Amino acid sequence: MDEIAGLQYYLFALVVLLLGSVFYNLKQRFAMKKREDSEMALVKEAYFNPITELPNRQNIDIVIDEQIHRVHRRAQSFLIAVVRIKNYNEVNLRSKKQGDEFITEAGSRLVDVVRDEDLVAHVSESSFVLLFNEYLTADNYDIVFDRVRDIFKETYQVDDKRILKYEIGIGQAIYPNNGTDGATLITEATHESLR
């Protein structure tokens, strides 16, 4: 009888240890997942615009620096453009929600007109930077800008009663002609987009 009671006690202790181990492992996995999610959220907040979810200024600065190193080794150039939504502030003043939707739609339109290897970043409330791959030749610059202008000729349907038009300004800068660092290139293109 004592042997059976001892065996039962042993089995009970084994089950308790096994359940404790499973519980501990699940708890650890949950904590690791929560930590990973928190880290991803921090990265997203640091490098992506919260409204459009496009890369932000910090992100594009890093990518431009990488692009400069690549093209410098090959003695090539590349183009960046700034697309400014001139009437964004007017829309945003009427309604923050409509302003967010208006600028998100603008970002989506820009993503649709550039190639997969090019990058669209939302760098300020009303401005986007387009970073074109170095393999885009000067002959093709006007083709890209015509596509950008055409996509913004389409109106934006706010609701059943309101339709908005986009008013845009486009500026461009070429590395190394207009600057040898990202900040200078973006500044040059921004000045041109204000005209």
N, C-alpha and C. Protein backbone atom coordinates (compact mmCIF):
# COMPACT_ATOMS: atom_id res chain seq x y z
N MET A 1 0.81 -1.18 0.00
CA MET A 1 0.00 0.00 0.00
C MET A 1 0.87 1.26 0.00
N ASP A 2 1.93 1.22 0.80
CA ASP A 2 2.82 2.38 0.87
C ASP A 2 3.47 2.64 -0.48
N GLU A 3 3.74 1.56 -1.22
CA GLU A 3 4.35 1.74 -2.54
C GLU A 3 3.40 2.45 -3.48
N ILE A 4 2.11 2.11 -3.42
CA ILE A 4 1.11 2.75 -4.30
C ILE A 4 0.97 4.23 -3.92
N ALA A 5 0.90 4.51 -2.61
CA ALA A 5 0.79 5.90 -2.15
C ALA A 5 2.03 6.69 -2.57
N GLY A 6 3.19 6.09 -2.48
CA GLY A 6 4.43 6.75 -2.88
C GLY A 6 4.44 7.02 -4.38
N LEU A 7 3.95 6.02 -5.15
CA LEU A 7 3.88 6.18 -6.61
C LEU A 7 2.90 7.28 -6.99
N GLN A 8 1.75 7.31 -6.29
CA GLN A 8 0.77 8.36 -6.54
C GLN A 8 1.35 9.73 -6.20
N TYR A 9 2.05 9.82 -5.08
CA TYR A 9 2.66 11.08 -4.69
C TYR A 9 3.70 11.50 -5.73
N TYR A 10 4.50 10.55 -6.19
CA TYR A 10 5.52 10.81 -7.21
C TYR A 10 4.87 11.29 -8.50
N LEU A 11 3.78 10.62 -8.96
CA LEU A 11 3.08 11.02 -10.18
C LEU A 11 2.46 12.41 -10.02
N PHE A 12 1.87 12.64 -8.83
CA PHE A 12 1.27 13.94 -8.57
C PHE A 12 2.34 15.04 -8.63
N ALA A 13 3.46 14.82 -8.01
CA ALA A 13 4.56 15.79 -8.01
C ALA A 13 5.06 16.02 -9.43
N LEU A 14 5.16 14.96 -10.23
CA LEU A 14 5.60 15.05 -11.61
C LEU A 14 4.62 15.89 -12.44
N VAL A 15 3.34 15.66 -12.26
CA VAL A 15 2.31 16.42 -12.99
C VAL A 15 2.37 17.88 -12.59
N VAL A 16 2.52 18.16 -11.28
CA VAL A 16 2.60 19.55 -10.82
C VAL A 16 3.83 20.23 -11.42
N LEU A 17 4.97 19.55 -11.43
CA LEU A 17 6.19 20.11 -12.03
C LEU A 17 6.01 20.35 -13.52
N LEU A 18 5.39 19.41 -14.20
CA LEU A 18 5.16 19.52 -15.64
C LEU A 18 4.24 20.70 -15.94
N LEU A 19 3.14 20.81 -15.19
CA LEU A 19 2.22 21.93 -15.38
C LEU A 19 2.90 23.26 -15.05
N GLY A 20 3.70 23.28 -14.00
CA GLY A 20 4.44 24.48 -13.63
C GLY A 20 5.41 24.89 -14.73
N SER A 21 6.07 23.89 -15.31
CA SER A 21 7.01 24.15 -16.39
C SER A 21 6.29 24.71 -17.62
N VAL A 22 5.16 24.11 -17.97
CA VAL A 22 4.37 24.58 -19.12
C VAL A 22 3.90 26.02 -18.86
N PHE A 23 3.39 26.27 -17.66
CA PHE A 23 2.91 27.61 -17.31
C PHE A 23 4.06 28.63 -17.40
N TYR A 24 5.21 28.28 -16.85
CA TYR A 24 6.37 29.17 -16.87
C TYR A 24 6.80 29.46 -18.32
N ASN A 25 6.85 28.41 -19.16
CA ASN A 25 7.25 28.60 -20.56
C ASN A 25 6.26 29.48 -21.31
N LEU A 26 4.97 29.27 -21.07
CA LEU A 26 3.96 30.11 -21.72
C LEU A 26 4.08 31.56 -21.27
N LYS A 27 4.32 31.76 -19.99
CA LYS A 27 4.48 33.10 -19.44
C LYS A 27 5.71 33.78 -20.07
N GLN A 28 6.80 33.03 -20.20
CA GLN A 28 8.02 33.58 -20.80
C GLN A 28 7.79 33.93 -22.28
N ARG A 29 7.10 33.06 -23.00
CA ARG A 29 6.82 33.33 -24.42
C ARG A 29 5.96 34.58 -24.56
N PHE A 30 4.95 34.70 -23.69
CA PHE A 30 4.09 35.87 -23.71
C PHE A 30 4.91 37.14 -23.44
N ALA A 31 5.80 37.08 -22.47
CA ALA A 31 6.64 38.24 -22.13
C ALA A 31 7.57 38.59 -23.31
N MET A 32 8.14 37.57 -23.97
CA MET A 32 9.02 37.81 -25.11
C MET A 32 8.24 38.43 -26.27
N LYS A 33 7.04 37.92 -26.52
CA LYS A 33 6.20 38.45 -27.59
C LYS A 33 5.83 39.90 -27.30
N LYS A 34 5.49 40.18 -26.05
CA LYS A 34 5.13 41.54 -25.66
C LYS A 34 6.33 42.48 -25.85
N ARG A 35 7.53 42.02 -25.48
CA ARG A 35 8.73 42.82 -25.65
C ARG A 35 9.02 43.06 -27.13
N GLU A 36 8.88 42.03 -27.96
CA GLU A 36 9.09 42.19 -29.41
C GLU A 36 8.09 43.18 -29.99
N ASP A 37 6.83 43.07 -29.58
CA ASP A 37 5.81 44.01 -30.07
C ASP A 37 6.14 45.44 -29.65
N SER A 38 6.61 45.61 -28.43
CA SER A 38 6.98 46.94 -27.94
C SER A 38 8.16 47.49 -28.74
N GLU A 39 9.14 46.65 -29.02
CA GLU A 39 10.30 47.09 -29.80
C GLU A 39 9.88 47.48 -31.22
N MET A 40 9.00 46.67 -31.82
CA MET A 40 8.52 46.98 -33.17
C MET A 40 7.73 48.29 -33.17
N ALA A 41 6.93 48.51 -32.14
CA ALA A 41 6.16 49.76 -32.04
C ALA A 41 7.10 50.96 -31.93
N LEU A 42 8.18 50.81 -31.16
CA LEU A 42 9.15 51.89 -31.03
C LEU A 42 9.85 52.18 -32.36
N VAL A 43 10.22 51.13 -33.07
CA VAL A 43 10.85 51.29 -34.38
C VAL A 43 9.89 51.98 -35.33
N LYS A 44 8.63 51.53 -35.31
CA LYS A 44 7.63 52.13 -36.20
C LYS A 44 7.44 53.60 -35.87
N GLU A 45 7.36 53.94 -34.60
CA GLU A 45 7.20 55.34 -34.19
C GLU A 45 8.42 56.17 -34.59
N ALA A 46 9.59 55.57 -34.52
CA ALA A 46 10.82 56.31 -34.80
C ALA A 46 11.05 56.53 -36.29
N TYR A 47 10.63 55.60 -37.13
CA TYR A 47 11.00 55.65 -38.54
C TYR A 47 9.83 55.71 -39.52
N PHE A 48 8.60 55.77 -39.03
CA PHE A 48 7.44 55.82 -39.93
C PHE A 48 6.46 56.88 -39.46
N ASN A 49 5.85 57.57 -40.42
CA ASN A 49 4.87 58.59 -40.10
C ASN A 49 3.61 57.92 -39.56
N PRO A 50 3.09 58.37 -38.43
CA PRO A 50 1.94 57.70 -37.81
C PRO A 50 0.64 57.82 -38.62
N ILE A 51 0.52 58.84 -39.45
CA ILE A 51 -0.72 59.04 -40.21
C ILE A 51 -0.71 58.19 -41.48
N THR A 52 0.32 58.33 -42.28
CA THR A 52 0.36 57.63 -43.58
C THR A 52 1.04 56.26 -43.50
N GLU A 53 1.78 56.02 -42.42
CA GLU A 53 2.56 54.80 -42.24
C GLU A 53 3.66 54.64 -43.29
N LEU A 54 4.03 55.76 -43.91
CA LEU A 54 5.16 55.78 -44.84
C LEU A 54 6.42 56.13 -44.06
N PRO A 55 7.60 55.84 -44.62
CA PRO A 55 8.83 56.23 -43.95
C PRO A 55 8.81 57.73 -43.64
N ASN A 56 9.46 58.12 -42.53
CA ASN A 56 9.50 59.53 -42.13
C ASN A 56 10.86 60.13 -42.46
N ARG A 57 11.11 61.34 -41.96
CA ARG A 57 12.35 62.05 -42.28
C ARG A 57 13.59 61.30 -41.79
N GLN A 58 13.55 60.75 -40.58
CA GLN A 58 14.71 60.02 -40.07
C GLN A 58 15.01 58.82 -40.97
N ASN A 59 13.97 58.15 -41.40
CA ASN A 59 14.12 56.97 -42.25
C ASN A 59 14.72 57.36 -43.60
N ILE A 60 14.17 58.38 -44.24
CA ILE A 60 14.65 58.76 -45.57
C ILE A 60 16.08 59.29 -45.51
N ASP A 61 16.44 59.95 -44.40
CA ASP A 61 17.83 60.42 -44.26
C ASP A 61 18.81 59.25 -44.28
N ILE A 62 18.45 58.18 -43.59
CA ILE A 62 19.30 56.99 -43.57
C ILE A 62 19.40 56.38 -44.96
N VAL A 63 18.26 56.27 -45.65
CA VAL A 63 18.24 55.65 -46.98
C VAL A 63 19.01 56.50 -47.98
N ILE A 64 18.87 57.83 -47.89
CA ILE A 64 19.63 58.70 -48.80
C ILE A 64 21.12 58.54 -48.57
N ASP A 65 21.55 58.49 -47.31
CA ASP A 65 22.98 58.27 -47.03
C ASP A 65 23.47 56.96 -47.63
N GLU A 66 22.67 55.90 -47.51
CA GLU A 66 23.05 54.62 -48.12
C GLU A 66 23.12 54.73 -49.63
N GLN A 67 22.16 55.45 -50.21
CA GLN A 67 22.14 55.65 -51.68
C GLN A 67 23.38 56.43 -52.13
N ILE A 68 23.77 57.43 -51.36
CA ILE A 68 24.97 58.21 -51.70
C ILE A 68 26.20 57.32 -51.71
N HIS A 69 26.33 56.45 -50.72
CA HIS A 69 27.49 55.54 -50.69
C HIS A 69 27.48 54.59 -51.89
N ARG A 70 26.31 54.09 -52.25
CA ARG A 70 26.22 53.17 -53.40
C ARG A 70 26.61 53.86 -54.69
N VAL A 71 26.01 55.03 -54.97
CA VAL A 71 26.26 55.68 -56.25
C VAL A 71 27.65 56.29 -56.31
N HIS A 72 28.19 56.67 -55.15
CA HIS A 72 29.54 57.23 -55.12
C HIS A 72 30.56 56.19 -55.61
N ARG A 73 30.37 54.95 -55.19
CA ARG A 73 31.28 53.87 -55.62
C ARG A 73 31.19 53.63 -57.12
N ARG A 74 30.03 53.87 -57.70
CA ARG A 74 29.82 53.60 -59.14
C ARG A 74 29.91 54.87 -59.98
N ALA A 75 30.18 56.00 -59.34
CA ALA A 75 30.25 57.30 -60.04
C ALA A 75 28.96 57.58 -60.80
N GLN A 76 27.83 57.36 -60.14
CA GLN A 76 26.52 57.62 -60.74
C GLN A 76 25.81 58.71 -59.97
N SER A 77 24.62 59.04 -60.42
CA SER A 77 23.82 60.04 -59.71
C SER A 77 22.43 59.46 -59.44
N PHE A 78 21.65 60.20 -58.66
CA PHE A 78 20.26 59.80 -58.44
C PHE A 78 19.44 61.06 -58.20
N LEU A 79 18.14 60.89 -58.28
CA LEU A 79 17.21 61.99 -58.19
C LEU A 79 16.34 61.85 -56.95
N ILE A 80 16.11 62.96 -56.27
CA ILE A 80 15.05 63.00 -55.26
C ILE A 80 14.08 64.09 -55.68
N ALA A 81 12.83 63.94 -55.27
CA ALA A 81 11.82 64.96 -55.53
C ALA A 81 11.05 65.22 -54.26
N VAL A 82 10.63 66.44 -54.09
CA VAL A 82 9.73 66.79 -53.00
C VAL A 82 8.39 67.15 -53.63
N VAL A 83 7.35 66.47 -53.17
CA VAL A 83 6.00 66.78 -53.60
C VAL A 83 5.28 67.39 -52.41
N ARG A 84 4.89 68.64 -52.58
CA ARG A 84 4.22 69.36 -51.49
C ARG A 84 2.74 69.51 -51.83
N ILE A 85 1.89 69.16 -50.90
CA ILE A 85 0.45 69.33 -51.06
C ILE A 85 0.12 70.73 -50.55
N LYS A 86 -0.04 71.67 -51.47
CA LYS A 86 -0.17 73.08 -51.11
C LYS A 86 -1.44 73.38 -50.32
N ASN A 87 -2.51 72.66 -50.58
CA ASN A 87 -3.77 72.98 -49.90
C ASN A 87 -4.06 72.05 -48.72
N TYR A 88 -3.05 71.33 -48.24
CA TYR A 88 -3.26 70.43 -47.10
C TYR A 88 -3.69 71.21 -45.85
N ASN A 89 -3.00 72.30 -45.53
CA ASN A 89 -3.31 73.04 -44.30
C ASN A 89 -4.74 73.57 -44.32
N GLU A 90 -5.21 74.00 -45.49
CA GLU A 90 -6.58 74.48 -45.61
C GLU A 90 -7.58 73.37 -45.29
N VAL A 91 -7.34 72.17 -45.81
CA VAL A 91 -8.21 71.03 -45.54
C VAL A 91 -8.11 70.62 -44.08
N ASN A 92 -6.91 70.60 -43.55
CA ASN A 92 -6.68 70.19 -42.16
C ASN A 92 -7.32 71.16 -41.16
N LEU A 93 -7.34 72.44 -41.49
CA LEU A 93 -7.97 73.43 -40.61
C LEU A 93 -9.47 73.21 -40.49
N ARG A 94 -10.09 72.77 -41.57
CA ARG A 94 -11.53 72.49 -41.53
C ARG A 94 -11.84 71.27 -40.69
N SER A 95 -11.02 70.24 -40.87
CA SER A 95 -11.27 68.99 -40.15
C SER A 95 -9.97 68.19 -40.09
N LYS A 96 -9.52 67.89 -38.88
CA LYS A 96 -8.29 67.11 -38.71
C LYS A 96 -8.45 65.73 -39.34
N LYS A 97 -9.62 65.13 -39.16
CA LYS A 97 -9.86 63.80 -39.73
C LYS A 97 -9.78 63.84 -41.26
N GLN A 98 -10.42 64.84 -41.86
CA GLN A 98 -10.36 64.96 -43.32
C GLN A 98 -8.95 65.27 -43.79
N GLY A 99 -8.23 66.08 -43.01
CA GLY A 99 -6.84 66.37 -43.35
C GLY A 99 -5.99 65.11 -43.35
N ASP A 100 -6.18 64.26 -42.33
CA ASP A 100 -5.44 62.99 -42.27
C ASP A 100 -5.78 62.10 -43.45
N GLU A 101 -7.07 62.02 -43.78
CA GLU A 101 -7.49 61.18 -44.92
C GLU A 101 -6.97 61.75 -46.23
N PHE A 102 -6.98 63.07 -46.36
CA PHE A 102 -6.51 63.77 -47.56
C PHE A 102 -5.03 63.48 -47.80
N ILE A 103 -4.22 63.59 -46.73
CA ILE A 103 -2.78 63.38 -46.88
C ILE A 103 -2.45 61.89 -47.04
N THR A 104 -3.23 61.02 -46.40
CA THR A 104 -3.02 59.58 -46.58
C THR A 104 -3.30 59.18 -48.02
N GLU A 105 -4.36 59.74 -48.59
CA GLU A 105 -4.68 59.47 -50.00
C GLU A 105 -3.55 59.97 -50.90
N ALA A 106 -3.00 61.14 -50.59
CA ALA A 106 -1.89 61.67 -51.38
C ALA A 106 -0.70 60.71 -51.35
N GLY A 107 -0.39 60.20 -50.16
CA GLY A 107 0.71 59.23 -50.05
C GLY A 107 0.44 57.97 -50.85
N SER A 108 -0.77 57.49 -50.80
CA SER A 108 -1.13 56.28 -51.57
C SER A 108 -0.98 56.52 -53.06
N ARG A 109 -1.40 57.69 -53.51
CA ARG A 109 -1.27 58.00 -54.94
C ARG A 109 0.20 58.04 -55.37
N LEU A 110 1.04 58.62 -54.53
CA LEU A 110 2.47 58.67 -54.87
C LEU A 110 3.08 57.28 -54.91
N VAL A 111 2.72 56.43 -53.96
CA VAL A 111 3.23 55.05 -53.95
C VAL A 111 2.81 54.33 -55.24
N ASP A 112 1.60 54.62 -55.71
CA ASP A 112 1.09 53.98 -56.92
C ASP A 112 1.84 54.39 -58.19
N VAL A 113 2.38 55.63 -58.23
CA VAL A 113 3.00 56.09 -59.48
C VAL A 113 4.51 55.86 -59.56
N VAL A 114 5.15 55.50 -58.46
CA VAL A 114 6.59 55.24 -58.53
C VAL A 114 6.84 53.74 -58.67
N ARG A 115 8.04 53.42 -59.07
CA ARG A 115 8.41 52.01 -59.23
C ARG A 115 8.62 51.36 -57.86
N ASP A 116 8.61 50.05 -57.83
CA ASP A 116 8.79 49.33 -56.56
C ASP A 116 10.13 49.63 -55.91
N GLU A 117 11.14 49.86 -56.70
CA GLU A 117 12.48 50.09 -56.13
C GLU A 117 12.68 51.53 -55.64
N ASP A 118 11.73 52.42 -55.92
CA ASP A 118 11.81 53.79 -55.45
C ASP A 118 11.09 53.91 -54.11
N LEU A 119 11.39 54.97 -53.37
CA LEU A 119 10.86 55.11 -52.03
C LEU A 119 10.07 56.42 -51.90
N VAL A 120 8.93 56.31 -51.23
CA VAL A 120 8.11 57.49 -50.91
C VAL A 120 8.15 57.65 -49.40
N ALA A 121 8.50 58.86 -48.95
CA ALA A 121 8.54 59.15 -47.51
C ALA A 121 7.68 60.37 -47.23
N HIS A 122 6.99 60.34 -46.10
CA HIS A 122 6.17 61.47 -45.65
C HIS A 122 7.00 62.22 -44.62
N VAL A 123 7.57 63.35 -45.02
CA VAL A 123 8.59 64.01 -44.19
C VAL A 123 8.10 65.20 -43.39
N SER A 124 6.96 65.76 -43.73
CA SER A 124 6.37 66.84 -42.96
C SER A 124 4.86 66.75 -43.14
N GLU A 125 4.14 67.65 -42.48
CA GLU A 125 2.68 67.56 -42.58
C GLU A 125 2.20 67.51 -44.02
N SER A 126 2.80 68.32 -44.89
CA SER A 126 2.28 68.45 -46.25
C SER A 126 3.26 68.04 -47.34
N SER A 127 4.40 67.45 -46.97
CA SER A 127 5.42 67.14 -47.98
C SER A 127 5.85 65.69 -47.96
N PHE A 128 6.13 65.21 -49.16
CA PHE A 128 6.65 63.87 -49.38
C PHE A 128 7.97 63.97 -50.12
N VAL A 129 8.87 63.05 -49.83
CA VAL A 129 10.11 62.94 -50.59
C VAL A 129 10.05 61.64 -51.39
N LEU A 130 10.36 61.75 -52.67
CA LEU A 130 10.47 60.58 -53.53
C LEU A 130 11.95 60.37 -53.79
N LEU A 131 12.45 59.21 -53.45
CA LEU A 131 13.84 58.88 -53.70
C LEU A 131 13.87 57.87 -54.83
N PHE A 132 14.45 58.29 -55.94
CA PHE A 132 14.48 57.44 -57.12
C PHE A 132 15.78 56.67 -57.18
N ASN A 133 15.67 55.41 -57.55
CA ASN A 133 16.81 54.54 -57.71
C ASN A 133 17.79 55.16 -58.69
N GLU A 134 19.07 54.91 -58.51
CA GLU A 134 20.08 55.52 -59.37
C GLU A 134 19.97 55.11 -60.83
N TYR A 135 19.21 54.06 -61.11
CA TYR A 135 19.11 53.59 -62.48
C TYR A 135 18.06 54.34 -63.29
N LEU A 136 17.38 55.31 -62.69
CA LEU A 136 16.45 56.16 -63.40
C LEU A 136 17.28 57.20 -64.16
N THR A 137 17.20 57.20 -65.47
CA THR A 137 18.01 58.12 -66.27
C THR A 137 17.33 59.48 -66.37
N ALA A 138 18.13 60.49 -66.67
CA ALA A 138 17.62 61.86 -66.76
C ALA A 138 16.50 61.97 -67.78
N ASP A 139 16.53 61.16 -68.83
CA ASP A 139 15.48 61.19 -69.85
C ASP A 139 14.11 60.83 -69.27
N ASN A 140 14.12 60.06 -68.19
CA ASN A 140 12.86 59.58 -67.62
C ASN A 140 12.30 60.47 -66.51
N TYR A 141 13.02 61.50 -66.09
CA TYR A 141 12.56 62.35 -65.00
C TYR A 141 11.20 62.97 -65.32
N ASP A 142 11.08 63.54 -66.53
CA ASP A 142 9.82 64.20 -66.89
C ASP A 142 8.66 63.21 -66.96
N ILE A 143 8.94 61.99 -67.36
CA ILE A 143 7.88 60.97 -67.41
C ILE A 143 7.32 60.74 -66.01
N VAL A 144 8.22 60.62 -65.04
CA VAL A 144 7.79 60.40 -63.66
C VAL A 144 6.99 61.59 -63.15
N PHE A 145 7.48 62.81 -63.39
CA PHE A 145 6.78 64.00 -62.90
C PHE A 145 5.43 64.18 -63.59
N ASP A 146 5.35 63.81 -64.86
CA ASP A 146 4.04 63.86 -65.55
C ASP A 146 3.06 62.88 -64.91
N ARG A 147 3.53 61.70 -64.53
CA ARG A 147 2.65 60.73 -63.85
C ARG A 147 2.19 61.28 -62.51
N VAL A 148 3.09 61.93 -61.78
CA VAL A 148 2.72 62.52 -60.49
C VAL A 148 1.66 63.61 -60.70
N ARG A 149 1.89 64.49 -61.66
CA ARG A 149 0.90 65.55 -61.93
C ARG A 149 -0.45 64.96 -62.34
N ASP A 150 -0.41 63.94 -63.19
CA ASP A 150 -1.65 63.32 -63.67
C ASP A 150 -2.44 62.68 -62.53
N ILE A 151 -1.75 61.99 -61.62
CA ILE A 151 -2.47 61.30 -60.54
C ILE A 151 -3.14 62.29 -59.60
N PHE A 152 -2.58 63.50 -59.50
CA PHE A 152 -3.19 64.50 -58.62
C PHE A 152 -4.22 65.37 -59.34
N LYS A 153 -4.40 65.17 -60.63
CA LYS A 153 -5.51 65.85 -61.33
C LYS A 153 -6.84 65.22 -60.94
N GLU A 154 -6.79 63.96 -60.53
CA GLU A 154 -8.01 63.30 -60.07
C GLU A 154 -8.44 63.92 -58.75
N THR A 155 -9.73 64.21 -58.63
CA THR A 155 -10.23 64.82 -57.40
C THR A 155 -10.32 63.79 -56.28
N TYR A 156 -10.47 64.31 -55.08
CA TYR A 156 -10.61 63.47 -53.89
C TYR A 156 -12.02 63.63 -53.35
N GLN A 157 -12.74 62.53 -53.28
CA GLN A 157 -14.12 62.52 -52.79
C GLN A 157 -14.11 62.44 -51.27
N VAL A 158 -14.46 63.55 -50.61
CA VAL A 158 -14.47 63.59 -49.15
C VAL A 158 -15.68 62.83 -48.63
N ASP A 159 -16.84 63.17 -49.14
CA ASP A 159 -18.10 62.52 -48.77
C ASP A 159 -19.07 62.74 -49.92
N ASP A 160 -20.35 62.50 -49.68
CA ASP A 160 -21.33 62.66 -50.76
C ASP A 160 -21.44 64.09 -51.26
N LYS A 161 -21.06 65.05 -50.42
CA LYS A 161 -21.27 66.46 -50.76
C LYS A 161 -19.99 67.18 -51.20
N ARG A 162 -18.84 66.72 -50.74
CA ARG A 162 -17.60 67.47 -50.98
C ARG A 162 -16.60 66.71 -51.82
N ILE A 163 -16.06 67.44 -52.76
CA ILE A 163 -14.97 66.93 -53.59
C ILE A 163 -13.84 67.95 -53.49
N LEU A 164 -12.64 67.47 -53.25
CA LEU A 164 -11.48 68.35 -53.15
C LEU A 164 -10.51 68.09 -54.29
N LYS A 165 -9.83 69.16 -54.68
CA LYS A 165 -8.77 69.05 -55.67
C LYS A 165 -7.44 69.15 -54.94
N TYR A 166 -6.46 68.45 -55.46
CA TYR A 166 -5.10 68.57 -54.91
C TYR A 166 -4.38 69.70 -55.64
N GLU A 167 -3.72 70.53 -54.87
CA GLU A 167 -2.83 71.54 -55.42
C GLU A 167 -1.42 71.13 -54.98
N ILE A 168 -0.56 70.87 -55.95
CA ILE A 168 0.78 70.35 -55.60
C ILE A 168 1.88 71.25 -56.13
N GLY A 169 3.01 71.12 -55.49
CA GLY A 169 4.25 71.72 -55.96
C GLY A 169 5.29 70.61 -56.00
N ILE A 170 6.07 70.57 -57.07
CA ILE A 170 7.09 69.53 -57.21
C ILE A 170 8.45 70.19 -57.37
N GLY A 171 9.40 69.73 -56.60
CA GLY A 171 10.78 70.18 -56.74
C GLY A 171 11.69 68.98 -56.85
N GLN A 172 12.82 69.16 -57.48
CA GLN A 172 13.75 68.04 -57.63
C GLN A 172 15.17 68.46 -57.31
N ALA A 173 15.97 67.48 -56.97
CA ALA A 173 17.40 67.70 -56.74
C ALA A 173 18.13 66.44 -57.19
N ILE A 174 19.27 66.64 -57.79
CA ILE A 174 20.06 65.53 -58.32
C ILE A 174 21.38 65.47 -57.57
N TYR A 175 21.74 64.28 -57.12
CA TYR A 175 23.05 64.06 -56.50
C TYR A 175 24.04 63.78 -57.62
N PRO A 176 25.20 64.37 -57.64
CA PRO A 176 25.80 65.35 -56.75
C PRO A 176 25.63 66.80 -57.22
N ASN A 177 24.91 67.03 -58.33
CA ASN A 177 24.79 68.37 -58.91
C ASN A 177 24.21 69.40 -57.93
N ASN A 178 23.15 69.02 -57.19
CA ASN A 178 22.47 69.96 -56.31
C ASN A 178 22.84 69.80 -54.84
N GLY A 179 23.68 68.83 -54.53
CA GLY A 179 24.09 68.63 -53.15
C GLY A 179 24.75 67.28 -52.98
N THR A 180 25.58 67.17 -51.95
CA THR A 180 26.30 65.92 -51.72
C THR A 180 25.87 65.23 -50.44
N ASP A 181 24.80 65.74 -49.81
CA ASP A 181 24.26 65.07 -48.63
C ASP A 181 22.74 65.17 -48.68
N GLY A 182 22.08 64.31 -47.91
CA GLY A 182 20.63 64.23 -47.94
C GLY A 182 19.93 65.51 -47.56
N ALA A 183 20.41 66.17 -46.51
CA ALA A 183 19.76 67.40 -46.04
C ALA A 183 19.79 68.48 -47.11
N THR A 184 20.92 68.64 -47.77
CA THR A 184 21.03 69.65 -48.82
C THR A 184 20.13 69.31 -50.00
N LEU A 185 20.10 68.05 -50.39
CA LEU A 185 19.24 67.64 -51.51
C LEU A 185 17.77 67.91 -51.20
N ILE A 186 17.34 67.54 -50.00
CA ILE A 186 15.93 67.76 -49.63
C ILE A 186 15.62 69.25 -49.56
N THR A 187 16.54 70.04 -49.02
CA THR A 187 16.34 71.49 -48.95
C THR A 187 16.22 72.09 -50.34
N GLU A 188 17.10 71.69 -51.25
CA GLU A 188 17.05 72.21 -52.63
C GLU A 188 15.73 71.85 -53.30
N ALA A 189 15.31 70.60 -53.17
CA ALA A 189 14.06 70.16 -53.78
C ALA A 189 12.86 70.86 -53.14
N THR A 190 12.92 71.08 -51.82
CA THR A 190 11.83 71.78 -51.13
C THR A 190 11.69 73.20 -51.61
N HIS A 191 12.82 73.90 -51.77
CA HIS A 191 12.78 75.28 -52.27
C HIS A 191 12.13 75.32 -53.65
N GLU A 192 12.50 74.38 -54.49
CA GLU A 192 11.92 74.33 -55.84
C GLU A 192 10.43 74.03 -55.80
N SER A 193 9.98 73.21 -54.84
CA SER A 193 8.55 72.87 -54.76
C SER A 193 7.70 74.04 -54.28
N LEU A 194 8.32 75.06 -53.68
CA LEU A 194 7.59 76.23 -53.19
C LEU A 194 7.27 77.23 -54.30
N ARG A 195 7.86 77.06 -55.43
CA ARG A 195 7.65 78.00 -56.55
C ARG A 195 6.29 77.82 -57.14
